[in-house]
Amino acid sequence: MVHHAFIDESGTREHQGIMTVAAVVLDGAKAAAKLHESVMKELNPKYLELVKERKKQRRKLPSMHFADMSEDAKSKASAHLAKANVSVFSASFWYDQSEMDHDERFSIYKQLVKIVITQAFNKHENIEIAIAKQGGWQQYEREFLAEVKQIPQGFMEQNKFCKGNAYLVSAAKPGIQLADFYVGCIRDYHRNMPAVHDKIERQVLSYGVYKRPATEKKER
């Protein structure tokens, strides 16, 4: 069976304390869209009518963004998602007090992405991987995806069958919106705000941690 993974991040600046990446893995190509729609209908019974109206007006469709949701909406969404057949893999980095430039932050982000993808391949053999686009994605897309695609190849070299394809997608995609919600829950859990995370905890199969080697820290 081909599984579909959707990857998003939260906390990419030093003042946010923790950077977390999560991969949400579902069965089947349409599972993410169906699950996203069911959550949105839970939050707004008139969701489908609203989507239809906005499409007619060529307006932006309603979305699920963790940081913009009320606590009540987060609670309802997490309770609904907790019933779904979903596997979630996460990895986090705790900032120290030093300032970083964009390249340093992006390097950490890439390592977190690689960790969650490796975790996912430890459980699933065949995965289509959709990663949320970051700013300036046109400049990093080719090199980044080449690095990601080496992960299943590494498993094959260890005589474990793995097959995967990776690509960048818009944050508006339903699967990425689900990943945004889960990564927000997990990052809040690490920030000692576990209320929403507690509902989806059984779905989270890993909490990886990344620490930069001392040689990677720039002298300032």
N, C-alpha and C. Protein backbone atom coordinates (compact mmCIF):
# COMPACT_ATOMS: atom_id res chain seq x y z
N MET A 1 0.84 -1.21 0.00
CA MET A 1 0.00 0.00 0.00
C MET A 1 0.87 1.26 0.00
N VAL A 2 0.46 2.24 -0.79
CA VAL A 2 1.17 3.52 -0.81
C VAL A 2 0.57 4.41 0.28
N HIS A 3 1.43 4.89 1.15
CA HIS A 3 1.00 5.85 2.17
C HIS A 3 1.37 7.26 1.71
N HIS A 4 0.68 8.23 2.27
CA HIS A 4 0.91 9.63 1.90
C HIS A 4 1.26 10.42 3.15
N ALA A 5 2.43 11.05 3.11
CA ALA A 5 2.91 11.84 4.24
C ALA A 5 2.86 13.32 3.91
N PHE A 6 2.48 14.11 4.89
CA PHE A 6 2.41 15.57 4.75
C PHE A 6 3.22 16.18 5.88
N ILE A 7 4.14 17.08 5.52
CA ILE A 7 5.10 17.61 6.48
C ILE A 7 5.00 19.13 6.59
N ASP A 8 4.93 19.60 7.84
CA ASP A 8 4.93 21.05 8.08
C ASP A 8 5.74 21.33 9.34
N GLU A 9 6.02 22.62 9.55
CA GLU A 9 6.85 23.03 10.68
C GLU A 9 6.17 24.12 11.49
N SER A 10 6.74 24.36 12.68
CA SER A 10 6.28 25.45 13.53
C SER A 10 7.45 25.94 14.35
N GLY A 11 7.61 27.26 14.46
CA GLY A 11 8.65 27.83 15.30
C GLY A 11 9.99 27.98 14.63
N THR A 12 10.06 28.73 13.54
CA THR A 12 11.32 28.83 12.79
C THR A 12 12.20 30.00 13.19
N ARG A 13 11.81 30.74 14.22
CA ARG A 13 12.64 31.87 14.68
C ARG A 13 13.06 31.66 16.13
N GLU A 14 14.23 32.20 16.47
CA GLU A 14 14.82 31.95 17.78
C GLU A 14 13.89 32.34 18.93
N HIS A 15 13.17 33.47 18.80
CA HIS A 15 12.34 33.93 19.91
C HIS A 15 11.17 32.99 20.20
N GLN A 16 10.92 32.05 19.29
CA GLN A 16 9.83 31.10 19.50
C GLN A 16 10.24 29.89 20.35
N GLY A 17 11.53 29.80 20.66
CA GLY A 17 11.97 28.82 21.63
C GLY A 17 12.22 27.41 21.12
N ILE A 18 11.30 26.89 20.34
CA ILE A 18 11.38 25.52 19.85
C ILE A 18 10.96 25.48 18.38
N MET A 19 11.73 24.78 17.57
CA MET A 19 11.30 24.50 16.20
C MET A 19 10.88 23.03 16.15
N THR A 20 9.68 22.78 15.63
CA THR A 20 9.17 21.41 15.53
C THR A 20 8.72 21.14 14.11
N VAL A 21 8.98 19.93 13.64
CA VAL A 21 8.51 19.45 12.34
C VAL A 21 7.70 18.18 12.59
N ALA A 22 6.61 18.02 11.87
CA ALA A 22 5.79 16.81 12.00
C ALA A 22 5.42 16.27 10.64
N ALA A 23 5.43 14.96 10.53
CA ALA A 23 4.95 14.26 9.34
C ALA A 23 3.69 13.50 9.71
N VAL A 24 2.61 13.79 9.00
CA VAL A 24 1.33 13.11 9.20
C VAL A 24 1.15 12.12 8.06
N VAL A 25 1.03 10.84 8.38
CA VAL A 25 0.97 9.78 7.38
C VAL A 25 -0.42 9.15 7.37
N LEU A 26 -1.01 9.08 6.17
CA LEU A 26 -2.35 8.53 6.00
C LEU A 26 -2.34 7.48 4.90
N ASP A 27 -3.37 6.63 4.91
CA ASP A 27 -3.53 5.62 3.86
C ASP A 27 -4.29 6.22 2.69
N GLY A 28 -3.78 6.04 1.48
CA GLY A 28 -4.53 6.42 0.29
C GLY A 28 -4.38 7.87 -0.10
N ALA A 29 -4.53 8.12 -1.40
CA ALA A 29 -4.29 9.45 -1.96
C ALA A 29 -5.32 10.49 -1.54
N LYS A 30 -6.55 10.05 -1.28
CA LYS A 30 -7.63 11.00 -0.97
C LYS A 30 -7.94 11.10 0.51
N ALA A 31 -7.23 10.34 1.33
CA ALA A 31 -7.54 10.29 2.75
C ALA A 31 -7.38 11.66 3.43
N ALA A 32 -6.35 12.40 3.05
CA ALA A 32 -6.11 13.70 3.69
C ALA A 32 -7.24 14.68 3.40
N ALA A 33 -7.66 14.73 2.13
CA ALA A 33 -8.74 15.65 1.75
C ALA A 33 -10.04 15.30 2.48
N LYS A 34 -10.33 14.00 2.58
CA LYS A 34 -11.55 13.57 3.26
C LYS A 34 -11.51 13.90 4.75
N LEU A 35 -10.35 13.65 5.37
CA LEU A 35 -10.23 13.93 6.80
C LEU A 35 -10.29 15.42 7.06
N HIS A 36 -9.62 16.21 6.24
CA HIS A 36 -9.65 17.66 6.39
C HIS A 36 -11.09 18.18 6.27
N GLU A 37 -11.82 17.68 5.29
CA GLU A 37 -13.20 18.12 5.10
C GLU A 37 -14.06 17.75 6.31
N SER A 38 -13.86 16.57 6.84
CA SER A 38 -14.68 16.15 7.99
C SER A 38 -14.39 17.01 9.22
N VAL A 39 -13.13 17.41 9.40
CA VAL A 39 -12.80 18.29 10.53
C VAL A 39 -13.42 19.67 10.33
N MET A 40 -13.32 20.18 9.12
CA MET A 40 -13.89 21.50 8.85
C MET A 40 -15.40 21.52 9.03
N LYS A 41 -16.07 20.42 8.68
CA LYS A 41 -17.52 20.34 8.90
C LYS A 41 -17.84 20.23 10.39
N GLU A 42 -16.96 19.62 11.14
CA GLU A 42 -17.12 19.57 12.60
C GLU A 42 -17.04 20.97 13.20
N LEU A 43 -16.14 21.77 12.66
CA LEU A 43 -15.96 23.13 13.17
C LEU A 43 -17.03 24.09 12.66
N ASN A 44 -17.53 23.81 11.43
CA ASN A 44 -18.56 24.67 10.83
C ASN A 44 -19.50 23.81 10.00
N PRO A 45 -20.69 23.50 10.53
CA PRO A 45 -21.64 22.64 9.80
C PRO A 45 -21.97 23.16 8.40
N LYS A 46 -21.78 24.44 8.15
CA LYS A 46 -22.07 25.02 6.84
C LYS A 46 -20.81 25.15 5.98
N TYR A 47 -19.79 24.38 6.30
CA TYR A 47 -18.50 24.48 5.61
C TYR A 47 -18.64 24.27 4.10
N LEU A 48 -19.36 23.24 3.68
CA LEU A 48 -19.47 22.94 2.25
C LEU A 48 -20.15 24.07 1.49
N GLU A 49 -21.19 24.65 2.11
CA GLU A 49 -21.88 25.77 1.48
C GLU A 49 -20.94 26.97 1.37
N LEU A 50 -20.13 27.17 2.40
CA LEU A 50 -19.18 28.28 2.39
C LEU A 50 -18.14 28.10 1.31
N VAL A 51 -17.64 26.88 1.15
CA VAL A 51 -16.65 26.59 0.10
C VAL A 51 -17.26 26.85 -1.27
N LYS A 52 -18.48 26.38 -1.48
CA LYS A 52 -19.14 26.57 -2.77
C LYS A 52 -19.30 28.05 -3.10
N GLU A 53 -19.69 28.83 -2.11
CA GLU A 53 -19.90 30.26 -2.32
C GLU A 53 -18.59 30.97 -2.63
N ARG A 54 -17.53 30.61 -1.90
CA ARG A 54 -16.25 31.27 -2.12
C ARG A 54 -15.64 30.89 -3.47
N LYS A 55 -15.88 29.67 -3.90
CA LYS A 55 -15.40 29.28 -5.23
C LYS A 55 -16.09 30.11 -6.31
N LYS A 56 -17.37 30.33 -6.15
CA LYS A 56 -18.11 31.17 -7.11
C LYS A 56 -17.53 32.58 -7.15
N GLN A 57 -17.16 33.08 -5.98
CA GLN A 57 -16.63 34.44 -5.88
C GLN A 57 -15.13 34.51 -6.13
N ARG A 58 -14.53 33.34 -6.39
CA ARG A 58 -13.08 33.24 -6.59
C ARG A 58 -12.31 33.84 -5.43
N ARG A 59 -12.81 33.54 -4.25
CA ARG A 59 -12.16 33.99 -3.02
C ARG A 59 -11.40 32.84 -2.37
N LYS A 60 -10.50 33.19 -1.47
CA LYS A 60 -9.71 32.20 -0.75
C LYS A 60 -10.62 31.28 0.06
N LEU A 61 -10.36 29.98 0.00
CA LEU A 61 -11.20 29.02 0.72
C LEU A 61 -10.86 29.03 2.20
N PRO A 62 -11.84 28.70 3.05
CA PRO A 62 -11.56 28.63 4.49
C PRO A 62 -10.51 27.56 4.77
N SER A 63 -9.67 27.82 5.76
CA SER A 63 -8.59 26.89 6.05
C SER A 63 -8.49 26.64 7.55
N MET A 64 -7.69 25.64 7.90
CA MET A 64 -7.45 25.29 9.29
C MET A 64 -6.00 25.61 9.61
N HIS A 65 -5.78 26.66 10.39
CA HIS A 65 -4.42 27.06 10.76
C HIS A 65 -4.34 27.12 12.27
N PHE A 66 -3.52 26.26 12.85
CA PHE A 66 -3.49 26.06 14.30
C PHE A 66 -3.35 27.37 15.07
N ALA A 67 -2.42 28.22 14.64
CA ALA A 67 -2.13 29.45 15.39
C ALA A 67 -3.31 30.41 15.43
N ASP A 68 -4.22 30.30 14.46
CA ASP A 68 -5.35 31.23 14.38
C ASP A 68 -6.63 30.66 15.00
N MET A 69 -6.59 29.43 15.48
CA MET A 69 -7.79 28.78 16.00
C MET A 69 -8.01 29.11 17.48
N SER A 70 -9.28 29.19 17.87
CA SER A 70 -9.61 29.38 19.28
C SER A 70 -9.33 28.07 20.03
N GLU A 71 -9.26 28.16 21.34
CA GLU A 71 -9.02 26.95 22.14
C GLU A 71 -10.17 25.97 21.98
N ASP A 72 -11.38 26.48 21.85
CA ASP A 72 -12.54 25.61 21.66
C ASP A 72 -12.45 24.88 20.32
N ALA A 73 -12.06 25.60 19.27
CA ALA A 73 -11.92 24.97 17.95
C ALA A 73 -10.80 23.93 17.96
N LYS A 74 -9.69 24.23 18.62
CA LYS A 74 -8.60 23.26 18.73
C LYS A 74 -9.06 21.99 19.44
N SER A 75 -9.84 22.17 20.50
CA SER A 75 -10.33 21.02 21.26
C SER A 75 -11.25 20.16 20.40
N LYS A 76 -12.17 20.79 19.67
CA LYS A 76 -13.09 20.05 18.80
C LYS A 76 -12.34 19.34 17.68
N ALA A 77 -11.39 20.04 17.07
CA ALA A 77 -10.64 19.45 15.96
C ALA A 77 -9.81 18.26 16.43
N SER A 78 -9.14 18.40 17.57
CA SER A 78 -8.29 17.32 18.06
C SER A 78 -9.12 16.11 18.46
N ALA A 79 -10.28 16.33 19.05
CA ALA A 79 -11.15 15.22 19.42
C ALA A 79 -11.62 14.46 18.18
N HIS A 80 -11.89 15.20 17.11
CA HIS A 80 -12.32 14.57 15.86
C HIS A 80 -11.16 13.83 15.20
N LEU A 81 -9.99 14.46 15.15
CA LEU A 81 -8.82 13.85 14.52
C LEU A 81 -8.37 12.60 15.27
N ALA A 82 -8.60 12.57 16.56
CA ALA A 82 -8.15 11.44 17.38
C ALA A 82 -8.77 10.12 16.95
N LYS A 83 -9.89 10.19 16.23
CA LYS A 83 -10.58 8.98 15.78
C LYS A 83 -10.03 8.46 14.45
N ALA A 84 -9.18 9.23 13.81
CA ALA A 84 -8.71 8.90 12.46
C ALA A 84 -7.55 7.91 12.50
N ASN A 85 -7.37 7.20 11.38
CA ASN A 85 -6.25 6.29 11.22
C ASN A 85 -5.06 7.08 10.69
N VAL A 86 -4.30 7.64 11.61
CA VAL A 86 -3.20 8.55 11.27
C VAL A 86 -1.97 8.17 12.09
N SER A 87 -0.81 8.21 11.44
CA SER A 87 0.46 8.04 12.16
C SER A 87 1.22 9.36 12.06
N VAL A 88 1.74 9.82 13.19
CA VAL A 88 2.43 11.11 13.23
C VAL A 88 3.85 10.92 13.78
N PHE A 89 4.80 11.53 13.10
CA PHE A 89 6.20 11.45 13.50
C PHE A 89 6.71 12.88 13.66
N SER A 90 7.39 13.16 14.76
CA SER A 90 7.81 14.53 15.02
C SER A 90 9.28 14.60 15.41
N ALA A 91 9.84 15.79 15.26
CA ALA A 91 11.20 16.06 15.70
C ALA A 91 11.29 17.54 16.06
N SER A 92 12.06 17.84 17.09
CA SER A 92 12.14 19.22 17.57
C SER A 92 13.57 19.64 17.88
N PHE A 93 13.78 20.94 17.83
CA PHE A 93 15.06 21.55 18.16
C PHE A 93 14.80 22.68 19.15
N TRP A 94 15.55 22.68 20.26
CA TRP A 94 15.44 23.74 21.24
C TRP A 94 16.52 24.78 20.98
N TYR A 95 16.11 26.04 20.78
CA TYR A 95 17.07 27.11 20.54
C TYR A 95 17.84 27.43 21.82
N ASP A 96 19.11 27.81 21.65
CA ASP A 96 19.83 28.39 22.77
C ASP A 96 19.70 29.91 22.67
N GLN A 97 20.54 30.62 23.34
CA GLN A 97 20.41 32.09 23.36
C GLN A 97 21.09 32.78 22.19
N SER A 98 21.82 32.03 21.36
CA SER A 98 22.55 32.66 20.27
C SER A 98 21.65 32.99 19.09
N GLU A 99 21.98 34.05 18.39
CA GLU A 99 21.24 34.43 17.20
C GLU A 99 21.72 33.60 16.02
N MET A 100 20.82 33.39 15.06
CA MET A 100 21.15 32.62 13.87
C MET A 100 20.78 33.40 12.62
N ASP A 101 21.47 33.07 11.53
CA ASP A 101 21.05 33.63 10.26
C ASP A 101 20.12 32.62 9.57
N HIS A 102 19.59 33.01 8.43
CA HIS A 102 18.62 32.16 7.73
C HIS A 102 19.20 30.80 7.38
N ASP A 103 20.44 30.78 6.92
CA ASP A 103 21.04 29.51 6.50
C ASP A 103 21.14 28.53 7.67
N GLU A 104 21.46 29.04 8.86
CA GLU A 104 21.55 28.17 10.04
C GLU A 104 20.18 27.61 10.40
N ARG A 105 19.17 28.46 10.41
CA ARG A 105 17.82 27.99 10.74
C ARG A 105 17.32 26.99 9.71
N PHE A 106 17.61 27.26 8.44
CA PHE A 106 17.14 26.35 7.40
C PHE A 106 17.86 25.01 7.48
N SER A 107 19.12 25.03 7.85
CA SER A 107 19.87 23.79 8.01
C SER A 107 19.24 22.92 9.10
N ILE A 108 18.83 23.54 10.20
CA ILE A 108 18.17 22.81 11.28
C ILE A 108 16.84 22.26 10.81
N TYR A 109 16.07 23.09 10.11
CA TYR A 109 14.79 22.65 9.57
C TYR A 109 14.97 21.42 8.69
N LYS A 110 15.97 21.42 7.82
CA LYS A 110 16.20 20.27 6.95
C LYS A 110 16.52 19.02 7.75
N GLN A 111 17.30 19.16 8.80
CA GLN A 111 17.63 18.00 9.62
C GLN A 111 16.37 17.43 10.29
N LEU A 112 15.49 18.30 10.74
CA LEU A 112 14.25 17.85 11.37
C LEU A 112 13.37 17.12 10.35
N VAL A 113 13.30 17.64 9.14
CA VAL A 113 12.53 16.98 8.08
C VAL A 113 13.08 15.59 7.82
N LYS A 114 14.40 15.49 7.73
CA LYS A 114 15.01 14.19 7.47
C LYS A 114 14.74 13.20 8.60
N ILE A 115 14.73 13.70 9.84
CA ILE A 115 14.44 12.82 10.98
C ILE A 115 13.04 12.24 10.88
N VAL A 116 12.04 13.08 10.61
CA VAL A 116 10.66 12.57 10.59
C VAL A 116 10.44 11.65 9.39
N ILE A 117 11.09 11.92 8.27
CA ILE A 117 10.95 11.04 7.12
C ILE A 117 11.59 9.68 7.41
N THR A 118 12.74 9.69 8.04
CA THR A 118 13.38 8.43 8.42
C THR A 118 12.49 7.65 9.38
N GLN A 119 11.90 8.34 10.34
CA GLN A 119 10.99 7.70 11.27
C GLN A 119 9.81 7.06 10.53
N ALA A 120 9.28 7.78 9.56
CA ALA A 120 8.13 7.27 8.80
C ALA A 120 8.50 6.03 8.01
N PHE A 121 9.70 6.01 7.43
CA PHE A 121 10.13 4.83 6.66
C PHE A 121 10.45 3.64 7.57
N ASN A 122 10.69 3.88 8.83
CA ASN A 122 10.87 2.77 9.76
C ASN A 122 9.56 2.01 9.97
N LYS A 123 8.44 2.65 9.67
CA LYS A 123 7.13 2.00 9.84
C LYS A 123 6.47 1.67 8.52
N HIS A 124 6.66 2.50 7.50
CA HIS A 124 5.97 2.32 6.22
C HIS A 124 7.00 2.14 5.09
N GLU A 125 6.72 1.25 4.16
CA GLU A 125 7.68 0.94 3.10
C GLU A 125 7.57 1.86 1.90
N ASN A 126 6.37 2.32 1.58
CA ASN A 126 6.15 3.06 0.34
C ASN A 126 5.40 4.35 0.67
N ILE A 127 6.07 5.49 0.52
CA ILE A 127 5.47 6.76 0.95
C ILE A 127 5.64 7.84 -0.11
N GLU A 128 4.55 8.52 -0.42
CA GLU A 128 4.58 9.75 -1.20
C GLU A 128 4.65 10.89 -0.19
N ILE A 129 5.67 11.73 -0.31
CA ILE A 129 5.96 12.73 0.72
C ILE A 129 5.72 14.14 0.19
N ALA A 130 4.78 14.85 0.78
CA ALA A 130 4.49 16.23 0.40
C ALA A 130 4.98 17.15 1.52
N ILE A 131 5.87 18.06 1.19
CA ILE A 131 6.49 18.95 2.17
C ILE A 131 6.02 20.38 1.89
N ALA A 132 5.58 21.07 2.93
CA ALA A 132 5.10 22.44 2.75
C ALA A 132 6.21 23.35 2.25
N LYS A 133 5.88 24.17 1.27
CA LYS A 133 6.84 25.13 0.73
C LYS A 133 7.20 26.19 1.76
N GLN A 134 8.48 26.52 1.81
CA GLN A 134 8.97 27.63 2.63
C GLN A 134 9.27 28.82 1.71
N GLY A 135 9.46 29.98 2.29
CA GLY A 135 9.80 31.14 1.49
C GLY A 135 11.06 30.92 0.68
N GLY A 136 11.04 31.32 -0.59
CA GLY A 136 12.19 31.13 -1.46
C GLY A 136 12.40 29.70 -1.90
N TRP A 137 11.31 28.92 -1.93
CA TRP A 137 11.42 27.49 -2.23
C TRP A 137 12.02 27.22 -3.61
N GLN A 138 11.88 28.16 -4.52
CA GLN A 138 12.42 27.94 -5.87
C GLN A 138 13.94 27.79 -5.84
N GLN A 139 14.58 28.43 -4.87
CA GLN A 139 16.03 28.37 -4.79
C GLN A 139 16.54 27.08 -4.15
N TYR A 140 15.77 26.51 -3.23
CA TYR A 140 16.29 25.34 -2.51
C TYR A 140 15.65 24.02 -2.93
N GLU A 141 14.60 24.06 -3.74
CA GLU A 141 13.81 22.87 -4.04
C GLU A 141 14.64 21.69 -4.53
N ARG A 142 15.42 21.89 -5.58
CA ARG A 142 16.12 20.76 -6.22
C ARG A 142 17.10 20.09 -5.26
N GLU A 143 17.94 20.88 -4.61
CA GLU A 143 18.95 20.31 -3.71
C GLU A 143 18.30 19.63 -2.51
N PHE A 144 17.30 20.28 -1.94
CA PHE A 144 16.62 19.74 -0.76
C PHE A 144 15.95 18.40 -1.08
N LEU A 145 15.21 18.33 -2.17
CA LEU A 145 14.52 17.09 -2.51
C LEU A 145 15.51 15.98 -2.86
N ALA A 146 16.64 16.34 -3.42
CA ALA A 146 17.66 15.33 -3.71
C ALA A 146 18.17 14.71 -2.41
N GLU A 147 18.33 15.53 -1.37
CA GLU A 147 18.77 15.01 -0.07
C GLU A 147 17.70 14.11 0.54
N VAL A 148 16.45 14.53 0.45
CA VAL A 148 15.34 13.76 1.02
C VAL A 148 15.22 12.39 0.34
N LYS A 149 15.41 12.37 -0.97
CA LYS A 149 15.24 11.13 -1.72
C LYS A 149 16.35 10.12 -1.44
N GLN A 150 17.42 10.55 -0.80
CA GLN A 150 18.48 9.63 -0.41
C GLN A 150 18.08 8.76 0.78
N ILE A 151 17.04 9.18 1.51
CA ILE A 151 16.65 8.45 2.72
C ILE A 151 16.15 7.04 2.39
N PRO A 152 15.15 6.89 1.50
CA PRO A 152 14.75 5.51 1.17
C PRO A 152 15.87 4.71 0.52
N GLN A 153 16.74 5.38 -0.23
CA GLN A 153 17.88 4.70 -0.85
C GLN A 153 18.79 4.11 0.23
N GLY A 154 18.94 4.84 1.33
CA GLY A 154 19.75 4.35 2.43
C GLY A 154 19.19 3.08 3.04
N PHE A 155 17.85 3.01 3.15
CA PHE A 155 17.21 1.80 3.67
C PHE A 155 17.45 0.63 2.71
N MET A 156 17.36 0.91 1.40
CA MET A 156 17.57 -0.14 0.40
C MET A 156 18.99 -0.70 0.50
N GLU A 157 19.95 0.17 0.77
CA GLU A 157 21.33 -0.28 0.90
C GLU A 157 21.53 -1.16 2.12
N GLN A 158 20.60 -1.08 3.08
CA GLN A 158 20.63 -1.93 4.26
C GLN A 158 19.70 -3.14 4.10
N ASN A 159 19.34 -3.39 2.83
CA ASN A 159 18.49 -4.55 2.49
C ASN A 159 17.09 -4.48 3.08
N LYS A 160 16.59 -3.26 3.26
CA LYS A 160 15.20 -3.08 3.66
C LYS A 160 14.47 -2.37 2.53
N PHE A 161 13.43 -2.99 2.00
CA PHE A 161 12.72 -2.38 0.87
C PHE A 161 12.05 -1.09 1.30
N CYS A 162 12.33 -0.03 0.57
CA CYS A 162 11.68 1.26 0.78
C CYS A 162 11.54 1.95 -0.57
N LYS A 163 10.42 2.59 -0.75
CA LYS A 163 10.19 3.33 -1.98
C LYS A 163 9.52 4.64 -1.61
N GLY A 164 10.02 5.73 -2.17
CA GLY A 164 9.42 7.02 -1.83
C GLY A 164 9.68 8.08 -2.87
N ASN A 165 8.79 9.03 -2.90
CA ASN A 165 8.93 10.19 -3.77
C ASN A 165 8.59 11.42 -2.94
N ALA A 166 9.31 12.52 -3.15
CA ALA A 166 9.09 13.72 -2.36
C ALA A 166 8.93 14.93 -3.26
N TYR A 167 8.09 15.86 -2.83
CA TYR A 167 7.86 17.08 -3.60
C TYR A 167 7.37 18.16 -2.65
N LEU A 168 7.48 19.41 -3.08
CA LEU A 168 7.02 20.56 -2.30
C LEU A 168 5.63 20.95 -2.75
N VAL A 169 4.78 21.32 -1.79
CA VAL A 169 3.40 21.71 -2.11
C VAL A 169 3.02 22.95 -1.31
N SER A 170 1.95 23.58 -1.73
CA SER A 170 1.43 24.77 -1.05
C SER A 170 0.90 24.43 0.33
N ALA A 171 1.05 25.38 1.24
CA ALA A 171 0.52 25.21 2.59
C ALA A 171 -1.00 25.14 2.61
N ALA A 172 -1.65 25.51 1.49
CA ALA A 172 -3.10 25.45 1.42
C ALA A 172 -3.63 24.03 1.21
N LYS A 173 -2.77 23.08 0.85
CA LYS A 173 -3.21 21.72 0.61
C LYS A 173 -3.81 21.12 1.89
N PRO A 174 -4.91 20.37 1.77
CA PRO A 174 -5.56 19.80 2.96
C PRO A 174 -4.61 19.02 3.85
N GLY A 175 -3.74 18.19 3.25
CA GLY A 175 -2.82 17.40 4.06
C GLY A 175 -1.84 18.25 4.84
N ILE A 176 -1.39 19.35 4.24
CA ILE A 176 -0.47 20.25 4.94
C ILE A 176 -1.19 20.97 6.07
N GLN A 177 -2.46 21.30 5.87
CA GLN A 177 -3.23 21.92 6.95
C GLN A 177 -3.36 20.96 8.13
N LEU A 178 -3.54 19.68 7.86
CA LEU A 178 -3.57 18.69 8.94
C LEU A 178 -2.23 18.64 9.65
N ALA A 179 -1.14 18.64 8.87
CA ALA A 179 0.19 18.62 9.47
C ALA A 179 0.44 19.87 10.30
N ASP A 180 -0.06 21.01 9.84
CA ASP A 180 0.06 22.26 10.59
C ASP A 180 -0.61 22.12 11.95
N PHE A 181 -1.77 21.47 11.98
CA PHE A 181 -2.48 21.30 13.24
C PHE A 181 -1.70 20.39 14.19
N TYR A 182 -1.26 19.26 13.67
CA TYR A 182 -0.53 18.31 14.51
C TYR A 182 0.78 18.90 15.02
N VAL A 183 1.52 19.60 14.16
CA VAL A 183 2.79 20.15 14.60
C VAL A 183 2.57 21.23 15.65
N GLY A 184 1.47 21.97 15.51
CA GLY A 184 1.14 22.97 16.53
C GLY A 184 0.83 22.32 17.87
N CYS A 185 0.07 21.21 17.84
CA CYS A 185 -0.24 20.47 19.07
C CYS A 185 1.03 19.98 19.75
N ILE A 186 1.94 19.42 18.95
CA ILE A 186 3.16 18.83 19.52
C ILE A 186 4.08 19.91 20.07
N ARG A 187 4.22 21.00 19.33
CA ARG A 187 5.08 22.08 19.82
C ARG A 187 4.51 22.67 21.11
N ASP A 188 3.19 22.82 21.20
CA ASP A 188 2.58 23.30 22.44
C ASP A 188 2.84 22.33 23.59
N TYR A 189 2.80 21.05 23.29
CA TYR A 189 3.11 20.04 24.31
C TYR A 189 4.52 20.24 24.86
N HIS A 190 5.46 20.50 23.97
CA HIS A 190 6.83 20.74 24.42
C HIS A 190 6.96 22.06 25.18
N ARG A 191 6.01 22.95 24.97
CA ARG A 191 6.01 24.23 25.68
C ARG A 191 5.13 24.19 26.93
N ASN A 192 4.85 22.97 27.41
CA ASN A 192 4.06 22.75 28.62
C ASN A 192 2.62 23.23 28.49
N MET A 193 2.08 23.08 27.28
CA MET A 193 0.65 23.35 27.04
C MET A 193 0.05 22.09 26.40
N PRO A 194 -0.20 21.05 27.20
CA PRO A 194 -0.53 19.73 26.65
C PRO A 194 -2.00 19.46 26.38
N ALA A 195 -2.89 20.39 26.69
CA ALA A 195 -4.32 20.08 26.68
C ALA A 195 -4.80 19.50 25.35
N VAL A 196 -4.46 20.14 24.23
CA VAL A 196 -4.93 19.66 22.93
C VAL A 196 -4.15 18.41 22.52
N HIS A 197 -2.86 18.42 22.77
CA HIS A 197 -2.01 17.29 22.41
C HIS A 197 -2.48 16.00 23.07
N ASP A 198 -2.99 16.09 24.29
CA ASP A 198 -3.41 14.89 25.02
C ASP A 198 -4.43 14.07 24.23
N LYS A 199 -5.26 14.74 23.43
CA LYS A 199 -6.30 14.04 22.69
C LYS A 199 -5.74 13.23 21.52
N ILE A 200 -4.65 13.70 20.94
CA ILE A 200 -4.10 13.02 19.75
C ILE A 200 -2.80 12.27 20.08
N GLU A 201 -2.48 12.17 21.36
CA GLU A 201 -1.19 11.61 21.78
C GLU A 201 -0.96 10.20 21.25
N ARG A 202 -1.99 9.36 21.21
CA ARG A 202 -1.80 7.97 20.79
C ARG A 202 -1.37 7.88 19.32
N GLN A 203 -1.66 8.91 18.53
CA GLN A 203 -1.30 8.89 17.12
C GLN A 203 0.16 9.29 16.88
N VAL A 204 0.77 9.95 17.85
CA VAL A 204 2.14 10.43 17.69
C VAL A 204 3.10 9.31 18.08
N LEU A 205 3.81 8.77 17.11
CA LEU A 205 4.65 7.60 17.33
C LEU A 205 6.09 7.93 17.68
N SER A 206 6.50 9.17 17.48
CA SER A 206 7.88 9.51 17.82
C SER A 206 8.03 11.00 18.11
N TYR A 207 8.96 11.29 19.00
CA TYR A 207 9.30 12.66 19.37
C TYR A 207 10.82 12.80 19.28
N GLY A 208 11.31 12.93 18.06
CA GLY A 208 12.74 13.05 17.87
C GLY A 208 13.27 14.38 18.36
N VAL A 209 14.54 14.40 18.69
CA VAL A 209 15.21 15.63 19.13
C VAL A 209 16.48 15.81 18.30
N TYR A 210 16.70 17.02 17.81
CA TYR A 210 17.92 17.32 17.07
C TYR A 210 18.75 18.32 17.85
N LYS A 211 20.04 18.01 17.99
CA LYS A 211 21.00 18.92 18.60
C LYS A 211 22.13 19.16 17.62
N ARG A 212 22.43 20.41 17.39
CA ARG A 212 23.51 20.72 16.45
C ARG A 212 24.86 20.31 17.00
N PRO A 213 25.69 19.66 16.20
CA PRO A 213 27.08 19.41 16.61
C PRO A 213 27.78 20.74 16.85
N ALA A 214 28.69 20.76 17.78
CA ALA A 214 29.38 22.01 18.12
C ALA A 214 30.08 22.62 16.92
N THR A 215 30.52 21.79 15.99
CA THR A 215 31.23 22.28 14.81
C THR A 215 30.32 23.05 13.87
N GLU A 216 29.00 22.88 14.01
CA GLU A 216 28.06 23.57 13.12
C GLU A 216 27.69 24.93 13.65
N LYS A 217 28.01 25.22 14.91
CA LYS A 217 27.66 26.52 15.50
C LYS A 217 28.67 27.56 15.08
N LYS A 218 28.17 28.64 14.54
CA LYS A 218 29.07 29.69 14.07
C LYS A 218 29.60 30.52 15.25
N GLU A 219 30.86 30.86 15.18
CA GLU A 219 31.43 31.74 16.20
C GLU A 219 30.94 33.16 15.97
N ARG A 220 30.59 33.83 17.06
CA ARG A 220 30.07 35.20 16.93
C ARG A 220 30.83 36.13 17.85
